[in-house]
Amino acid sequence: MNECLFCRIVQRALPAKIVAEDDQLVAFHDVNPQAPTHILLVPKTHIPAVSDLTDATGPVMTRAVLMANRLAKQLGLADSGYRLVVNCGEQAGQSIWHLHVHLLGGRPMRWPPG
């Protein structure tokens, strides 16, 4: 997956401001932030979209949510609130075909989001 932007970040072939990492995930600041805090949580294994998860790969989403919760606490977002977003497909706003979770916070979020 050398052409995948997030795979290249995971492999450290491209720079990123990494804020957390474990054996399955890397979390880093989005280069085009949509909120004062905008972190991307990316599986180290290439999975194109949330719709491509299987029984075997699905637990990575639980790990991503748990990591996002920890980061939200560390970054002072837990009390005021934060949003987790997963886009699936072009019309939903997915522009990079590697599963990722957006952690957004630091400002009021509107509804509906799009």
Protein backbone atom coordinates (compact mmCIF):
# COMPACT_ATOMS: atom_id res chain seq x y z
CA MET A 1 0.00 0.00 0.00
CA ASN A 2 2.83 2.39 -0.81
CA GLU A 3 0.39 4.73 -2.56
CA CYS A 4 -1.82 5.05 0.54
CA LEU A 5 -1.13 8.30 2.42
CA PHE A 6 -1.99 6.84 5.82
CA CYS A 7 0.03 3.66 5.21
CA ARG A 8 3.01 5.87 4.43
CA ILE A 9 2.49 7.78 7.70
CA VAL A 10 2.20 4.50 9.62
CA GLN A 11 5.48 3.35 7.98
CA ARG A 12 7.08 6.73 8.84
CA ALA A 13 7.71 7.39 5.15
CA LEU A 14 5.79 10.68 5.56
CA PRO A 15 5.98 13.02 8.55
CA ALA A 16 3.07 13.47 10.96
CA LYS A 17 2.63 14.97 14.41
CA ILE A 18 1.94 11.69 16.22
CA VAL A 19 0.21 11.97 19.58
CA ALA A 20 -0.37 8.29 20.43
CA GLU A 21 0.49 4.84 19.17
CA ASP A 22 -0.01 1.23 20.14
CA ASP A 23 0.50 -2.06 18.32
CA GLN A 24 -2.62 -1.56 16.17
CA LEU A 25 -3.16 2.22 15.83
CA VAL A 26 -1.41 5.51 15.18
CA ALA A 27 -3.02 8.82 16.17
CA PHE A 28 -1.83 12.11 14.71
CA HIS A 29 -2.95 15.69 14.11
CA ASP A 30 -4.93 16.30 10.93
CA VAL A 31 -3.07 18.63 8.55
CA ASN A 32 -6.38 20.31 7.63
CA PRO A 33 -8.07 20.65 11.04
CA GLN A 34 -11.81 21.25 11.21
CA ALA A 35 -11.75 22.07 14.93
CA PRO A 36 -9.16 23.36 17.42
CA THR A 37 -8.42 19.71 18.21
CA HIS A 38 -8.56 17.36 15.23
CA ILE A 39 -6.81 14.02 15.64
CA LEU A 40 -6.94 11.10 13.20
CA LEU A 41 -6.81 7.57 14.59
CA VAL A 42 -5.60 5.16 11.92
CA PRO A 43 -5.24 1.37 12.00
CA LYS A 44 -1.76 0.18 11.14
CA THR A 45 -3.34 -2.47 8.93
CA HIS A 46 -4.71 -1.13 5.67
CA ILE A 47 -8.50 -1.34 5.72
CA PRO A 48 -10.03 0.84 2.98
CA ALA A 49 -13.29 1.79 4.75
CA VAL A 50 -15.43 0.99 7.76
CA SER A 51 -17.61 -1.11 5.42
CA ASP A 52 -14.59 -3.39 4.85
CA LEU A 53 -14.35 -4.44 8.50
CA THR A 54 -14.78 -8.14 9.22
CA ASP A 55 -15.21 -10.18 12.37
CA ALA A 56 -11.42 -10.48 12.45
CA THR A 57 -10.62 -6.78 11.89
CA GLY A 58 -13.62 -5.22 13.65
CA PRO A 59 -12.05 -5.04 17.12
CA VAL A 60 -9.70 -2.31 15.85
CA MET A 61 -12.69 0.06 16.00
CA THR A 62 -13.14 -0.61 19.71
CA ARG A 63 -9.46 0.09 20.24
CA ALA A 64 -9.76 3.32 18.23
CA VAL A 65 -12.68 4.53 20.34
CA LEU A 66 -10.87 3.67 23.57
CA MET A 67 -7.74 5.50 22.38
CA ALA A 68 -9.88 8.48 21.34
CA ASN A 69 -11.45 8.54 24.82
CA ARG A 70 -8.01 8.55 26.45
CA LEU A 71 -6.78 11.30 24.14
CA ALA A 72 -9.91 13.38 24.80
CA LYS A 73 -9.18 13.20 28.53
CA GLN A 74 -5.49 14.04 28.04
CA LEU A 75 -6.34 16.97 25.77
CA GLY A 76 -8.96 18.41 28.12
CA LEU A 77 -11.96 17.64 25.91
CA ALA A 78 -13.73 15.09 28.06
CA ASP A 79 -15.69 17.53 30.22
CA SER A 80 -16.84 19.90 27.45
CA GLY A 81 -17.46 17.16 24.88
CA TYR A 82 -15.99 15.88 21.66
CA ARG A 83 -17.10 14.22 18.46
CA LEU A 84 -15.93 10.99 16.83
CA VAL A 85 -16.55 10.75 13.09
CA VAL A 86 -16.07 7.89 10.63
CA ASN A 87 -16.88 8.67 7.00
CA CYS A 88 -17.67 5.77 4.68
CA GLY A 89 -17.68 6.43 0.96
CA GLU A 90 -17.30 9.44 -1.25
CA GLN A 91 -20.72 10.98 -0.58
CA ALA A 92 -20.09 10.73 3.17
CA GLY A 93 -16.87 12.72 2.79
CA GLN A 94 -14.29 9.94 2.80
CA SER A 95 -11.35 11.22 0.78
CA ILE A 96 -8.59 8.84 1.91
CA TRP A 97 -9.30 5.17 1.40
CA HIS A 98 -7.82 3.95 4.66
CA LEU A 99 -10.19 3.58 7.61
CA HIS A 100 -9.77 6.40 10.13
CA VAL A 101 -11.61 7.96 13.04
CA HIS A 102 -11.70 11.74 13.48
CA LEU A 103 -11.52 13.05 17.06
CA LEU A 104 -12.83 16.62 17.01
CA GLY A 105 -13.17 19.02 19.91
CA GLY A 106 -12.48 22.43 21.34
CA ARG A 107 -15.52 24.17 19.88
CA PRO A 108 -19.31 23.71 19.78
CA MET A 109 -20.39 21.16 17.18
CA ARG A 110 -23.50 21.76 15.08
CA TRP A 111 -26.19 19.28 14.11
CA PRO A 112 -26.85 18.08 11.53
CA PRO A 113 -23.15 17.84 10.73
CA GLY A 114 -23.30 18.01 6.95
